[in-house]
PDB file of N, CA and C in Angstrom:
ATOM      1  N   UNK A   1     -49.073 -23.861 -53.255  1.00  0.00           N
ATOM      2  CA  UNK A   1     -49.326 -24.881 -52.264  1.00  0.00           C
ATOM      3  C   UNK A   1     -48.849 -26.247 -52.747  1.00  0.00           C
ATOM      4  N   UNK A   2     -48.934 -26.483 -54.047  1.00  0.00           N
ATOM      5  CA  UNK A   2     -48.540 -27.781 -54.584  1.00  0.00           C
ATOM      6  C   UNK A   2     -47.092 -28.104 -54.243  1.00  0.00           C
ATOM      7  N   UNK A   3     -46.264 -27.083 -54.197  1.00  0.00           N
ATOM      8  CA  UNK A   3     -44.853 -27.281 -53.931  1.00  0.00           C
ATOM      9  C   UNK A   3     -44.648 -27.748 -52.483  1.00  0.00           C
ATOM     10  N   UNK A   4     -45.382 -27.146 -51.579  1.00  0.00           N
ATOM     11  CA  UNK A   4     -45.293 -27.540 -50.166  1.00  0.00           C
ATOM     12  C   UNK A   4     -45.841 -28.953 -49.995  1.00  0.00           C
ATOM     13  N   UNK A   5     -46.965 -29.254 -50.660  1.00  0.00           N
ATOM     14  CA  UNK A   5     -47.523 -30.604 -50.585  1.00  0.00           C
ATOM     15  C   UNK A   5     -46.535 -31.639 -51.108  1.00  0.00           C
ATOM     16  N   UNK A   6     -45.864 -31.312 -52.185  1.00  0.00           N
ATOM     17  CA  UNK A   6     -44.878 -32.226 -52.750  1.00  0.00           C
ATOM     18  C   UNK A   6     -43.746 -32.467 -51.754  1.00  0.00           C
ATOM     19  N   UNK A   7     -43.317 -31.404 -51.090  1.00  0.00           N
ATOM     20  CA  UNK A   7     -42.253 -31.543 -50.093  1.00  0.00           C
ATOM     21  C   UNK A   7     -42.721 -32.401 -48.924  1.00  0.00           C
ATOM     22  N   UNK A   8     -43.965 -32.194 -48.488  1.00  0.00           N
ATOM     23  CA  UNK A   8     -44.491 -33.006 -47.393  1.00  0.00           C
ATOM     24  C   UNK A   8     -44.640 -34.465 -47.798  1.00  0.00           C
ATOM     25  N   UNK A   9     -45.027 -34.699 -49.028  1.00  0.00           N
ATOM     26  CA  UNK A   9     -45.141 -36.063 -49.531  1.00  0.00           C
ATOM     27  C   UNK A   9     -43.779 -36.749 -49.542  1.00  0.00           C
ATOM     28  N   UNK A  10     -42.783 -36.055 -50.030  1.00  0.00           N
ATOM     29  CA  UNK A  10     -41.427 -36.609 -50.019  1.00  0.00           C
ATOM     30  C   UNK A  10     -40.968 -36.900 -48.594  1.00  0.00           C
ATOM     31  N   UNK A  11     -41.241 -35.984 -47.696  1.00  0.00           N
ATOM     32  CA  UNK A  11     -40.854 -36.169 -46.292  1.00  0.00           C
ATOM     33  C   UNK A  11     -41.554 -37.391 -45.695  1.00  0.00           C
ATOM     34  N   UNK A  12     -42.859 -37.515 -45.947  1.00  0.00           N
ATOM     35  CA  UNK A  12     -43.626 -38.651 -45.402  1.00  0.00           C
ATOM     36  C   UNK A  12     -43.132 -39.980 -45.976  1.00  0.00           C
ATOM     37  N   UNK A  13     -42.635 -39.944 -47.206  1.00  0.00           N
ATOM     38  CA  UNK A  13     -42.128 -41.159 -47.843  1.00  0.00           C
ATOM     39  C   UNK A  13     -40.685 -41.465 -47.430  1.00  0.00           C
ATOM     40  N   UNK A  14     -40.102 -40.559 -46.647  1.00  0.00           N
ATOM     41  CA  UNK A  14     -38.733 -40.766 -46.195  1.00  0.00           C
ATOM     42  C   UNK A  14     -37.702 -40.433 -47.259  1.00  0.00           C
ATOM     43  N   UNK A  15     -38.104 -39.682 -48.269  1.00  0.00           N
ATOM     44  CA  UNK A  15     -37.196 -39.297 -49.353  1.00  0.00           C
ATOM     45  C   UNK A  15     -36.597 -37.928 -49.058  1.00  0.00           C
ATOM     46  N   UNK A  16     -35.431 -37.698 -49.627  1.00  0.00           N
ATOM     47  CA  UNK A  16     -34.762 -36.411 -49.459  1.00  0.00           C
ATOM     48  C   UNK A  16     -35.484 -35.348 -50.295  1.00  0.00           C
ATOM     49  N   UNK A  17     -35.655 -34.171 -49.715  1.00  0.00           N
ATOM     50  CA  UNK A  17     -36.317 -33.076 -50.412  1.00  0.00           C
ATOM     51  C   UNK A  17     -35.261 -32.321 -51.207  1.00  0.00           C
ATOM     52  N   UNK A  18     -35.173 -32.691 -52.474  1.00  0.00           N
ATOM     53  CA  UNK A  18     -34.222 -32.060 -53.388  1.00  0.00           C
ATOM     54  C   UNK A  18     -34.996 -31.450 -54.547  1.00  0.00           C
ATOM     55  N   UNK A  19     -34.291 -30.629 -55.316  1.00  0.00           N
ATOM     56  CA  UNK A  19     -34.935 -30.012 -56.482  1.00  0.00           C
ATOM     57  C   UNK A  19     -35.412 -31.085 -57.458  1.00  0.00           C
ATOM     58  N   UNK A  20     -34.586 -32.084 -57.683  1.00  0.00           N
ATOM     59  CA  UNK A  20     -34.932 -33.154 -58.627  1.00  0.00           C
ATOM     60  C   UNK A  20     -36.155 -33.948 -58.145  1.00  0.00           C
ATOM     61  N   UNK A  21     -36.178 -34.304 -56.857  1.00  0.00           N
ATOM     62  CA  UNK A  21     -37.312 -35.079 -56.324  1.00  0.00           C
ATOM     63  C   UNK A  21     -38.602 -34.269 -56.340  1.00  0.00           C
ATOM     64  N   UNK A  22     -38.503 -32.993 -55.989  1.00  0.00           N
ATOM     65  CA  UNK A  22     -39.692 -32.140 -56.023  1.00  0.00           C
ATOM     66  C   UNK A  22     -40.240 -32.031 -57.445  1.00  0.00           C
ATOM     67  N   UNK A  23     -39.346 -31.864 -58.394  1.00  0.00           N
ATOM     68  CA  UNK A  23     -39.759 -31.734 -59.785  1.00  0.00           C
ATOM     69  C   UNK A  23     -40.465 -33.011 -60.257  1.00  0.00           C
ATOM     70  N   UNK A  24     -39.940 -34.172 -59.862  1.00  0.00           N
ATOM     71  CA  UNK A  24     -40.556 -35.450 -60.239  1.00  0.00           C
ATOM     72  C   UNK A  24     -41.967 -35.578 -59.656  1.00  0.00           C
ATOM     73  N   UNK A  25     -42.126 -35.218 -58.389  1.00  0.00           N
ATOM     74  CA  UNK A  25     -43.435 -35.324 -57.740  1.00  0.00           C
ATOM     75  C   UNK A  25     -44.435 -34.382 -58.405  1.00  0.00           C
ATOM     76  N   UNK A  26     -44.018 -33.153 -58.641  1.00  0.00           N
ATOM     77  CA  UNK A  26     -44.906 -32.172 -59.268  1.00  0.00           C
ATOM     78  C   UNK A  26     -45.315 -32.592 -60.678  1.00  0.00           C
ATOM     79  N   UNK A  27     -44.360 -33.072 -61.443  1.00  0.00           N
ATOM     80  CA  UNK A  27     -44.670 -33.521 -62.800  1.00  0.00           C
ATOM     81  C   UNK A  27     -45.591 -34.741 -62.781  1.00  0.00           C
ATOM     82  N   UNK A  28     -45.377 -35.646 -61.830  1.00  0.00           N
ATOM     83  CA  UNK A  28     -46.238 -36.826 -61.714  1.00  0.00           C
ATOM     84  C   UNK A  28     -47.662 -36.424 -61.360  1.00  0.00           C
ATOM     85  N   UNK A  29     -47.810 -35.314 -60.654  1.00  0.00           N
ATOM     86  CA  UNK A  29     -49.131 -34.817 -60.276  1.00  0.00           C
ATOM     87  C   UNK A  29     -49.758 -33.963 -61.376  1.00  0.00           C
ATOM     88  N   UNK A  30     -49.012 -33.724 -62.435  1.00  0.00           N
ATOM     89  CA  UNK A  30     -49.545 -32.919 -63.530  1.00  0.00           C
ATOM     90  C   UNK A  30     -49.419 -31.432 -63.314  1.00  0.00           C
ATOM     91  N   UNK A  31     -48.526 -31.033 -62.428  1.00  0.00           N
ATOM     92  CA  UNK A  31     -48.317 -29.615 -62.145  1.00  0.00           C
ATOM     93  C   UNK A  31     -47.048 -29.160 -62.864  1.00  0.00           C
ATOM     94  N   UNK A  32     -47.131 -28.051 -63.554  1.00  0.00           N
ATOM     95  CA  UNK A  32     -45.946 -27.493 -64.204  1.00  0.00           C
ATOM     96  C   UNK A  32     -44.966 -27.011 -63.156  1.00  0.00           C
ATOM     97  N   UNK A  33     -43.762 -27.535 -63.187  1.00  0.00           N
ATOM     98  CA  UNK A  33     -42.766 -27.211 -62.171  1.00  0.00           C
ATOM     99  C   UNK A  33     -42.000 -25.947 -62.556  1.00  0.00           C
ATOM    100  N   UNK A  34     -42.014 -24.975 -61.666  1.00  0.00           N
ATOM    101  CA  UNK A  34     -41.283 -23.724 -61.843  1.00  0.00           C
ATOM    102  C   UNK A  34     -39.954 -23.869 -61.095  1.00  0.00           C
ATOM    103  N   UNK A  35     -38.860 -23.861 -61.854  1.00  0.00           N
ATOM    104  CA  UNK A  35     -37.527 -24.083 -61.279  1.00  0.00           C
ATOM    105  C   UNK A  35     -37.206 -23.093 -60.151  1.00  0.00           C
ATOM    106  N   UNK A  36     -37.578 -21.852 -60.316  1.00  0.00           N
ATOM    107  CA  UNK A  36     -37.277 -20.834 -59.301  1.00  0.00           C
ATOM    108  C   UNK A  36     -38.012 -21.130 -57.994  1.00  0.00           C
ATOM    109  N   UNK A  37     -39.258 -21.517 -58.109  1.00  0.00           N
ATOM    110  CA  UNK A  37     -40.034 -21.832 -56.895  1.00  0.00           C
ATOM    111  C   UNK A  37     -39.493 -23.075 -56.210  1.00  0.00           C
ATOM    112  N   UNK A  38     -39.085 -24.055 -57.004  1.00  0.00           N
ATOM    113  CA  UNK A  38     -38.518 -25.278 -56.436  1.00  0.00           C
ATOM    114  C   UNK A  38     -37.234 -24.956 -55.678  1.00  0.00           C
ATOM    115  N   UNK A  39     -36.360 -24.163 -56.299  1.00  0.00           N
ATOM    116  CA  UNK A  39     -35.093 -23.779 -55.644  1.00  0.00           C
ATOM    117  C   UNK A  39     -35.363 -23.000 -54.361  1.00  0.00           C
ATOM    118  N   UNK A  40     -36.324 -22.100 -54.404  1.00  0.00           N
ATOM    119  CA  UNK A  40     -36.643 -21.303 -53.218  1.00  0.00           C
ATOM    120  C   UNK A  40     -37.163 -22.187 -52.087  1.00  0.00           C
ATOM    121  N   UNK A  41     -38.009 -23.164 -52.422  1.00  0.00           N
ATOM    122  CA  UNK A  41     -38.553 -24.048 -51.393  1.00  0.00           C
ATOM    123  C   UNK A  41     -37.470 -24.921 -50.780  1.00  0.00           C
ATOM    124  N   UNK A  42     -36.616 -25.484 -51.612  1.00  0.00           N
ATOM    125  CA  UNK A  42     -35.528 -26.323 -51.110  1.00  0.00           C
ATOM    126  C   UNK A  42     -34.617 -25.501 -50.196  1.00  0.00           C
ATOM    127  N   UNK A  43     -34.317 -24.276 -50.599  1.00  0.00           N
ATOM    128  CA  UNK A  43     -33.470 -23.406 -49.776  1.00  0.00           C
ATOM    129  C   UNK A  43     -34.156 -23.059 -48.465  1.00  0.00           C
ATOM    130  N   UNK A  44     -35.462 -22.814 -48.505  1.00  0.00           N
ATOM    131  CA  UNK A  44     -36.204 -22.451 -47.294  1.00  0.00           C
ATOM    132  C   UNK A  44     -36.301 -23.622 -46.322  1.00  0.00           C
ATOM    133  N   UNK A  45     -36.339 -24.840 -46.838  1.00  0.00           N
ATOM    134  CA  UNK A  45     -36.479 -26.014 -45.980  1.00  0.00           C
ATOM    135  C   UNK A  45     -35.150 -26.549 -45.470  1.00  0.00           C
ATOM    136  N   UNK A  46     -34.056 -25.999 -45.981  1.00  0.00           N
ATOM    137  CA  UNK A  46     -32.741 -26.456 -45.555  1.00  0.00           C
ATOM    138  C   UNK A  46     -32.556 -26.200 -44.059  1.00  0.00           C
ATOM    139  N   UNK A  47     -32.250 -27.243 -43.334  1.00  0.00           N
ATOM    140  CA  UNK A  47     -32.023 -27.129 -41.890  1.00  0.00           C
ATOM    141  C   UNK A  47     -33.290 -27.081 -41.055  1.00  0.00           C
ATOM    142  N   UNK A  48     -34.447 -27.255 -41.664  1.00  0.00           N
ATOM    143  CA  UNK A  48     -35.721 -27.224 -40.932  1.00  0.00           C
ATOM    144  C   UNK A  48     -36.111 -28.646 -40.530  1.00  0.00           C
ATOM    145  N   UNK A  49     -36.472 -28.833 -39.272  1.00  0.00           N
ATOM    146  CA  UNK A  49     -36.977 -30.126 -38.802  1.00  0.00           C
ATOM    147  C   UNK A  49     -38.475 -30.155 -39.094  1.00  0.00           C
ATOM    148  N   UNK A  50     -38.848 -30.812 -40.169  1.00  0.00           N
ATOM    149  CA  UNK A  50     -40.241 -30.804 -40.627  1.00  0.00           C
ATOM    150  C   UNK A  50     -41.170 -31.466 -39.612  1.00  0.00           C
ATOM    151  N   UNK A  51     -40.723 -32.554 -38.984  1.00  0.00           N
ATOM    152  CA  UNK A  51     -41.561 -33.218 -37.977  1.00  0.00           C
ATOM    153  C   UNK A  51     -41.900 -32.269 -36.830  1.00  0.00           C
ATOM    154  N   UNK A  52     -40.915 -31.513 -36.403  1.00  0.00           N
ATOM    155  CA  UNK A  52     -41.117 -30.559 -35.307  1.00  0.00           C
ATOM    156  C   UNK A  52     -42.083 -29.445 -35.720  1.00  0.00           C
ATOM    157  N   UNK A  53     -41.946 -28.957 -36.925  1.00  0.00           N
ATOM    158  CA  UNK A  53     -42.819 -27.896 -37.426  1.00  0.00           C
ATOM    159  C   UNK A  53     -44.261 -28.407 -37.527  1.00  0.00           C
ATOM    160  N   UNK A  54     -44.433 -29.610 -38.035  1.00  0.00           N
ATOM    161  CA  UNK A  54     -45.777 -30.190 -38.149  1.00  0.00           C
ATOM    162  C   UNK A  54     -46.398 -30.364 -36.774  1.00  0.00           C
ATOM    163  N   UNK A  55     -45.612 -30.844 -35.826  1.00  0.00           N
ATOM    164  CA  UNK A  55     -46.114 -31.044 -34.464  1.00  0.00           C
ATOM    165  C   UNK A  55     -46.551 -29.728 -33.827  1.00  0.00           C
ATOM    166  N   UNK A  56     -45.751 -28.694 -33.989  1.00  0.00           N
ATOM    167  CA  UNK A  56     -46.090 -27.387 -33.426  1.00  0.00           C
ATOM    168  C   UNK A  56     -47.317 -26.797 -34.100  1.00  0.00           C
ATOM    169  N   UNK A  57     -47.427 -26.995 -35.398  1.00  0.00           N
ATOM    170  CA  UNK A  57     -48.564 -26.446 -36.142  1.00  0.00           C
ATOM    171  C   UNK A  57     -49.845 -27.181 -35.797  1.00  0.00           C
ATOM    172  N   UNK A  58     -49.780 -28.454 -35.510  1.00  0.00           N
ATOM    173  CA  UNK A  58     -50.971 -29.259 -35.233  1.00  0.00           C
ATOM    174  C   UNK A  58     -51.481 -29.061 -33.817  1.00  0.00           C
ATOM    175  N   UNK A  59     -50.646 -28.739 -32.879  1.00  0.00           N
ATOM    176  CA  UNK A  59     -51.054 -28.634 -31.472  1.00  0.00           C
ATOM    177  C   UNK A  59     -52.121 -27.575 -31.234  1.00  0.00           C
ATOM    178  N   UNK A  60     -51.952 -26.347 -31.675  1.00  0.00           N
ATOM    179  CA  UNK A  60     -52.981 -25.346 -31.382  1.00  0.00           C
ATOM    180  C   UNK A  60     -54.328 -25.686 -32.009  1.00  0.00           C
ATOM    181  N   UNK A  61     -54.319 -26.399 -33.095  1.00  0.00           N
ATOM    182  CA  UNK A  61     -55.570 -26.757 -33.758  1.00  0.00           C
ATOM    183  C   UNK A  61     -56.270 -27.862 -32.984  1.00  0.00           C
ATOM    184  N   UNK A  62     -55.522 -28.846 -32.509  1.00  0.00           N
ATOM    185  CA  UNK A  62     -56.118 -30.002 -31.852  1.00  0.00           C
ATOM    186  C   UNK A  62     -56.710 -29.649 -30.491  1.00  0.00           C
ATOM    187  N   UNK A  63     -56.051 -28.802 -29.729  1.00  0.00           N
ATOM    188  CA  UNK A  63     -56.517 -28.485 -28.385  1.00  0.00           C
ATOM    189  C   UNK A  63     -57.898 -27.831 -28.371  1.00  0.00           C
ATOM    190  N   UNK A  64     -58.152 -26.791 -29.150  1.00  0.00           N
ATOM    191  CA  UNK A  64     -59.487 -26.196 -29.121  1.00  0.00           C
ATOM    192  C   UNK A  64     -60.575 -27.145 -29.598  1.00  0.00           C
ATOM    193  N   UNK A  65     -60.242 -28.020 -30.520  1.00  0.00           N
ATOM    194  CA  UNK A  65     -61.242 -28.966 -31.008  1.00  0.00           C
ATOM    195  C   UNK A  65     -61.659 -29.892 -29.885  1.00  0.00           C
ATOM    196  N   UNK A  66     -60.678 -30.368 -29.116  1.00  0.00           N
ATOM    197  CA  UNK A  66     -60.990 -31.272 -28.014  1.00  0.00           C
ATOM    198  C   UNK A  66     -61.811 -30.557 -26.948  1.00  0.00           C
ATOM    199  N   UNK A  67     -61.470 -29.321 -26.661  1.00  0.00           N
ATOM    200  CA  UNK A  67     -62.204 -28.560 -25.659  1.00  0.00           C
ATOM    201  C   UNK A  67     -63.613 -28.242 -26.147  1.00  0.00           C
ATOM    202  N   UNK A  68     -63.740 -27.908 -27.409  1.00  0.00           N
ATOM    203  CA  UNK A  68     -65.051 -27.578 -27.957  1.00  0.00           C
ATOM    204  C   UNK A  68     -65.948 -28.802 -28.033  1.00  0.00           C
ATOM    205  N   UNK A  69     -65.374 -29.951 -28.207  1.00  0.00           N
ATOM    206  CA  UNK A  69     -66.166 -31.174 -28.314  1.00  0.00           C
ATOM    207  C   UNK A  69     -66.712 -31.601 -26.950  1.00  0.00           C
ATOM    208  N   UNK A  70     -66.028 -31.278 -25.895  1.00  0.00           N
ATOM    209  CA  UNK A  70     -66.457 -31.707 -24.568  1.00  0.00           C
ATOM    210  C   UNK A  70     -67.836 -31.167 -24.179  1.00  0.00           C
ATOM    211  N   UNK A  71     -68.121 -29.876 -24.307  1.00  0.00           N
ATOM    212  CA  UNK A  71     -69.456 -29.402 -23.958  1.00  0.00           C
ATOM    213  C   UNK A  71     -70.550 -30.007 -24.836  1.00  0.00           C
ATOM    214  N   UNK A  72     -70.244 -30.268 -26.067  1.00  0.00           N
ATOM    215  CA  UNK A  72     -71.242 -30.872 -26.953  1.00  0.00           C
ATOM    216  C   UNK A  72     -71.598 -32.271 -26.479  1.00  0.00           C
ATOM    217  N   UNK A  73     -70.643 -32.968 -25.916  1.00  0.00           N
ATOM    218  CA  UNK A  73     -70.893 -34.312 -25.425  1.00  0.00           C
ATOM    219  C   UNK A  73     -71.741 -34.277 -24.151  1.00  0.00           C
ATOM    220  N   UNK A  74     -71.620 -33.216 -23.380  1.00  0.00           N
ATOM    221  CA  UNK A  74     -72.373 -33.112 -22.137  1.00  0.00           C
ATOM    222  C   UNK A  74     -73.848 -32.767 -22.389  1.00  0.00           C
ATOM    223  N   UNK A  75     -74.136 -32.100 -23.447  1.00  0.00           N
ATOM    224  CA  UNK A  75     -75.501 -31.652 -23.714  1.00  0.00           C
ATOM    225  C   UNK A  75     -76.503 -32.793 -23.771  1.00  0.00           C
ATOM    226  N   UNK A  76     -76.264 -33.895 -24.477  1.00  0.00           N
ATOM    227  CA  UNK A  76     -77.237 -34.989 -24.481  1.00  0.00           C
ATOM    228  C   UNK A  76     -77.439 -35.591 -23.096  1.00  0.00           C
ATOM    229  N   UNK A  77     -76.385 -35.640 -22.286  1.00  0.00           N
ATOM    230  CA  UNK A  77     -76.510 -36.182 -20.940  1.00  0.00           C
ATOM    231  C   UNK A  77     -77.413 -35.289 -20.095  1.00  0.00           C
ATOM    232  N   UNK A  78     -77.238 -33.979 -20.234  1.00  0.00           N
ATOM    233  CA  UNK A  78     -78.083 -33.048 -19.490  1.00  0.00           C
ATOM    234  C   UNK A  78     -79.530 -33.141 -19.941  1.00  0.00           C
ATOM    235  N   UNK A  79     -79.736 -33.277 -21.227  1.00  0.00           N
ATOM    236  CA  UNK A  79     -81.095 -33.385 -21.759  1.00  0.00           C
ATOM    237  C   UNK A  79     -81.760 -34.659 -21.245  1.00  0.00           C
ATOM    238  N   UNK A  80     -81.007 -35.740 -21.169  1.00  0.00           N
ATOM    239  CA  UNK A  80     -81.551 -37.005 -20.676  1.00  0.00           C
ATOM    240  C   UNK A  80     -81.931 -36.880 -19.201  1.00  0.00           C
ATOM    241  N   UNK A  81     -81.100 -36.194 -18.416  1.00  0.00           N
ATOM    242  CA  UNK A  81     -81.410 -35.997 -17.000  1.00  0.00           C
ATOM    243  C   UNK A  81     -82.680 -35.170 -16.832  1.00  0.00           C
ATOM    244  N   UNK A  82     -82.812 -34.108 -17.627  1.00  0.00           N
ATOM    245  CA  UNK A  82     -84.009 -33.264 -17.544  1.00  0.00           C
ATOM    246  C   UNK A  82     -85.252 -34.061 -17.921  1.00  0.00           C
ATOM    247  N   UNK A  83     -85.134 -34.923 -18.910  1.00  0.00           N
ATOM    248  CA  UNK A  83     -86.261 -35.748 -19.327  1.00  0.00           C
ATOM    249  C   UNK A  83     -86.677 -36.692 -18.209  1.00  0.00           C
ATOM    250  N   UNK A  84     -85.697 -37.295 -17.551  1.00  0.00           N
ATOM    251  CA  UNK A  84     -85.986 -38.216 -16.450  1.00  0.00           C
ATOM    252  C   UNK A  84     -86.688 -37.471 -15.311  1.00  0.00           C
ATOM    253  N   UNK A  85     -86.220 -36.259 -15.016  1.00  0.00           N
ATOM    254  CA  UNK A  85     -86.837 -35.474 -13.948  1.00  0.00           C
ATOM    255  C   UNK A  85     -88.284 -35.144 -14.297  1.00  0.00           C
ATOM    256  N   UNK A  86     -88.527 -34.779 -15.551  1.00  0.00           N
ATOM    257  CA  UNK A  86     -89.886 -34.453 -15.982  1.00  0.00           C
ATOM    258  C   UNK A  86     -90.789 -35.679 -15.892  1.00  0.00           C
ATOM    259  N   UNK A  87     -90.260 -36.838 -16.273  1.00  0.00           N
ATOM    260  CA  UNK A  87     -91.051 -38.067 -16.192  1.00  0.00           C
ATOM    261  C   UNK A  87     -91.395 -38.392 -14.744  1.00  0.00           C
ATOM    262  N   UNK A  88     -90.434 -38.192 -13.842  1.00  0.00           N
ATOM    263  CA  UNK A  88     -90.681 -38.439 -12.422  1.00  0.00           C
ATOM    264  C   UNK A  88     -91.769 -37.505 -11.897  1.00  0.00           C
ATOM    265  N   UNK A  89     -91.673 -36.235 -12.274  1.00  0.00           N
ATOM    266  CA  UNK A  89     -92.677 -35.266 -11.822  1.00  0.00           C
ATOM    267  C   UNK A  89     -94.066 -35.644 -12.341  1.00  0.00           C
ATOM    268  N   UNK A  90     -94.150 -36.093 -13.592  1.00  0.00           N
ATOM    269  CA  UNK A  90     -95.435 -36.497 -14.159  1.00  0.00           C
ATOM    270  C   UNK A  90     -95.996 -37.700 -13.405  1.00  0.00           C
ATOM    271  N   UNK A  91     -95.135 -38.654 -13.075  1.00  0.00           N
ATOM    272  CA  UNK A  91     -95.580 -39.838 -12.336  1.00  0.00           C
ATOM    273  C   UNK A  91     -96.092 -39.447 -10.947  1.00  0.00           C
ATOM    274  N   UNK A  92     -95.385 -38.522 -10.311  1.00  0.00           N
ATOM    275  CA  UNK A  92     -95.811 -38.063  -8.988  1.00  0.00           C
ATOM    276  C   UNK A  92     -97.171 -37.378  -9.070  1.00  0.00           C
ATOM    277  N   UNK A  93     -97.365 -36.543 -10.097  1.00  0.00           N
ATOM    278  CA  UNK A  93     -98.637 -35.848 -10.272  1.00  0.00           C
ATOM    279  C   UNK A  93     -99.767 -36.842 -10.517  1.00  0.00           C
ATOM    280  N   UNK A  94     -99.511 -37.867 -11.322  1.00  0.00           N
ATOM    281  CA  UNK A  94    -100.515 -38.889 -11.591  1.00  0.00           C
ATOM    282  C   UNK A  94    -100.865 -39.642 -10.308  1.00  0.00           C
ATOM    283  N   UNK A  95     -99.827 -39.946  -9.523  1.00  0.00           N
ATOM    284  CA  UNK A  95    -100.057 -40.660  -8.272  1.00  0.00           C
ATOM    285  C   UNK A  95    -100.878 -39.801  -7.310  1.00  0.00           C
ATOM    286  N   UNK A  96    -100.572 -38.519  -7.217  1.00  0.00           N
ATOM    287  CA  UNK A  96    -101.321 -37.624  -6.336  1.00  0.00           C
ATOM    288  C   UNK A  96    -102.772 -37.482  -6.810  1.00  0.00           C
ATOM    289  N   UNK A  97    -102.971 -37.428  -8.125  1.00  0.00           N
ATOM    290  CA  UNK A  97    -104.325 -37.323  -8.653  1.00  0.00           C
ATOM    291  C   UNK A  97    -105.120 -38.585  -8.306  1.00  0.00           C
ATOM    292  N   UNK A  98    -104.460 -39.728  -8.380  1.00  0.00           N
ATOM    293  CA  UNK A  98    -105.115 -40.995  -8.021  1.00  0.00           C
ATOM    294  C   UNK A  98    -105.493 -41.037  -6.545  1.00  0.00           C
ATOM    295  N   UNK A  99    -104.620 -40.522  -5.697  1.00  0.00           N
ATOM    296  CA  UNK A  99    -104.892 -40.494  -4.258  1.00  0.00           C
ATOM    297  C   UNK A  99    -106.046 -39.544  -3.947  1.00  0.00           C
ATOM    298  N   UNK A 100    -106.106 -38.444  -4.669  1.00  0.00           N
ATOM    299  CA  UNK A 100    -107.189 -37.485  -4.474  1.00  0.00           C
ATOM    300  C   UNK A 100    -108.541 -38.092  -4.776  1.00  0.00           C
ATOM    301  N   UNK A 101    -108.576 -38.982  -5.743  1.00  0.00           N
ATOM    302  CA  UNK A 101    -109.838 -39.639  -6.107  1.00  0.00           C
ATOM    303  C   UNK A 101    -110.292 -40.579  -4.999  1.00  0.00           C
ATOM    304  N   UNK A 102    -109.363 -41.144  -4.272  1.00  0.00           N
ATOM    305  CA  UNK A 102    -109.712 -42.056  -3.178  1.00  0.00           C
ATOM    306  C   UNK A 102    -110.404 -41.305  -2.043  1.00  0.00           C
ATOM    307  N   UNK A 103    -109.957 -40.096  -1.784  1.00  0.00           N
ATOM    308  CA  UNK A 103    -110.502 -39.337  -0.644  1.00  0.00           C
ATOM    309  C   UNK A 103    -111.559 -38.337  -1.092  1.00  0.00           C
ATOM    310  N   UNK A 104    -111.917 -38.348  -2.327  1.00  0.00           N
ATOM    311  CA  UNK A 104    -112.943 -37.644  -2.962  1.00  0.00           C
ATOM    312  C   UNK A 104    -113.328 -36.323  -2.690  1.00  0.00           C
TER     313      UNK A 104
END
Protein backbone atom coordinates (compact mmCIF):
# COMPACT_ATOMS: atom_id res chain seq x y z
CA UNK A 1 0.00 0.00 0.00
CA UNK A 2 2.88 2.36 0.73
CA UNK A 3 3.81 2.33 -2.94
CA UNK A 4 0.32 3.39 -4.02
CA UNK A 5 0.25 6.08 -1.32
CA UNK A 6 3.58 7.39 -2.55
CA UNK A 7 2.24 7.55 -6.10
CA UNK A 8 -0.88 9.38 -4.93
CA UNK A 9 1.25 11.82 -2.96
CA UNK A 10 3.38 12.55 -6.00
CA UNK A 11 0.24 13.01 -8.10
CA UNK A 12 -1.32 15.38 -5.55
CA UNK A 13 1.91 17.40 -5.48
CA UNK A 14 1.84 17.67 -9.26
CA UNK A 15 5.06 15.66 -9.62
CA UNK A 16 5.72 13.04 -12.25
CA UNK A 17 5.33 9.46 -11.04
CA UNK A 18 8.71 7.98 -11.89
CA UNK A 19 10.80 5.24 -10.35
CA UNK A 20 13.23 7.81 -8.95
CA UNK A 21 10.48 10.00 -7.41
CA UNK A 22 8.70 7.01 -5.90
CA UNK A 23 11.94 5.77 -4.39
CA UNK A 24 12.62 9.21 -2.85
CA UNK A 25 9.14 9.41 -1.30
CA UNK A 26 9.33 5.88 0.10
CA UNK A 27 12.80 6.42 1.55
CA UNK A 28 11.71 9.74 3.08
CA UNK A 29 8.85 7.87 4.76
CA UNK A 30 11.24 5.26 6.12
CA UNK A 31 9.99 2.47 3.90
CA UNK A 32 12.48 0.14 2.24
CA UNK A 33 12.00 0.59 -1.49
CA UNK A 34 11.77 -2.60 -3.55
CA UNK A 35 12.94 -1.81 -7.09
CA UNK A 36 10.75 -4.50 -8.67
CA UNK A 37 7.60 -3.22 -7.00
CA UNK A 38 8.42 0.35 -7.96
CA UNK A 39 8.94 -0.64 -11.61
CA UNK A 40 5.71 -2.63 -11.62
CA UNK A 41 3.73 0.29 -10.17
CA UNK A 42 5.16 2.81 -12.62
CA UNK A 43 4.38 0.45 -15.51
CA UNK A 44 0.84 -0.15 -14.21
CA UNK A 45 0.15 3.58 -13.89
CA UNK A 46 1.46 4.42 -17.35
CA UNK A 47 -1.37 5.95 -19.36
CA UNK A 48 -3.80 5.95 -16.41
CA UNK A 49 -5.74 9.14 -15.65
CA UNK A 50 -5.41 9.12 -11.86
CA UNK A 51 -7.93 11.94 -11.33
CA UNK A 52 -10.55 10.00 -13.27
CA UNK A 53 -9.85 6.79 -11.33
CA UNK A 54 -10.10 8.61 -7.99
CA UNK A 55 -13.37 10.24 -9.03
CA UNK A 56 -14.89 6.92 -10.10
CA UNK A 57 -13.71 5.19 -6.94
CA UNK A 58 -15.08 7.93 -4.66
CA UNK A 59 -18.55 8.16 -6.21
CA UNK A 60 -20.01 4.82 -5.08
CA UNK A 61 -18.79 5.44 -1.55
CA UNK A 62 -20.17 8.98 -1.28
CA UNK A 63 -23.67 8.25 -2.58
CA UNK A 64 -24.68 5.61 0.00
CA UNK A 65 -23.30 7.73 2.81
CA UNK A 66 -25.46 10.66 1.76
CA UNK A 67 -28.52 8.45 1.44
CA UNK A 68 -27.88 6.75 4.76
CA UNK A 69 -27.44 10.07 6.52
CA UNK A 70 -30.80 11.40 5.36
CA UNK A 71 -33.02 9.05 7.41
CA UNK A 72 -30.88 9.66 10.48
CA UNK A 73 -31.51 13.37 10.14
CA UNK A 74 -35.27 12.81 9.93
CA UNK A 75 -35.46 10.78 13.13
CA UNK A 76 -34.97 13.71 15.57
CA UNK A 77 -37.60 15.72 13.69
CA UNK A 78 -40.09 12.87 13.98
CA UNK A 79 -39.31 12.44 17.66
CA UNK A 80 -39.87 16.15 18.25
CA UNK A 81 -43.23 16.01 16.47
CA UNK A 82 -44.33 13.02 18.56
CA UNK A 83 -43.30 14.84 21.72
CA UNK A 84 -45.32 17.91 20.73
CA UNK A 85 -48.37 15.73 20.02
CA UNK A 86 -48.05 14.03 23.41
CA UNK A 87 -47.76 17.40 25.16
CA UNK A 88 -50.88 18.63 23.36
CA UNK A 89 -52.80 15.52 24.37
CA UNK A 90 -51.71 15.96 28.00
CA UNK A 91 -52.83 19.60 27.97
CA UNK A 92 -56.20 18.61 26.52
CA UNK A 93 -56.65 15.93 29.20
CA UNK A 94 -55.78 18.43 31.94
CA UNK A 95 -58.23 20.94 30.49
CA UNK A 96 -60.99 18.32 30.32
CA UNK A 97 -60.29 17.25 33.91
CA UNK A 98 -60.57 20.89 34.99
CA UNK A 99 -63.90 21.27 33.18
CA UNK A 100 -65.20 18.11 34.82
CA UNK A 101 -64.53 19.61 38.23
CA UNK A 102 -66.67 22.63 37.34
CA UNK A 103 -69.71 20.49 36.56
CA UNK A 104 -68.99 18.12 39.40
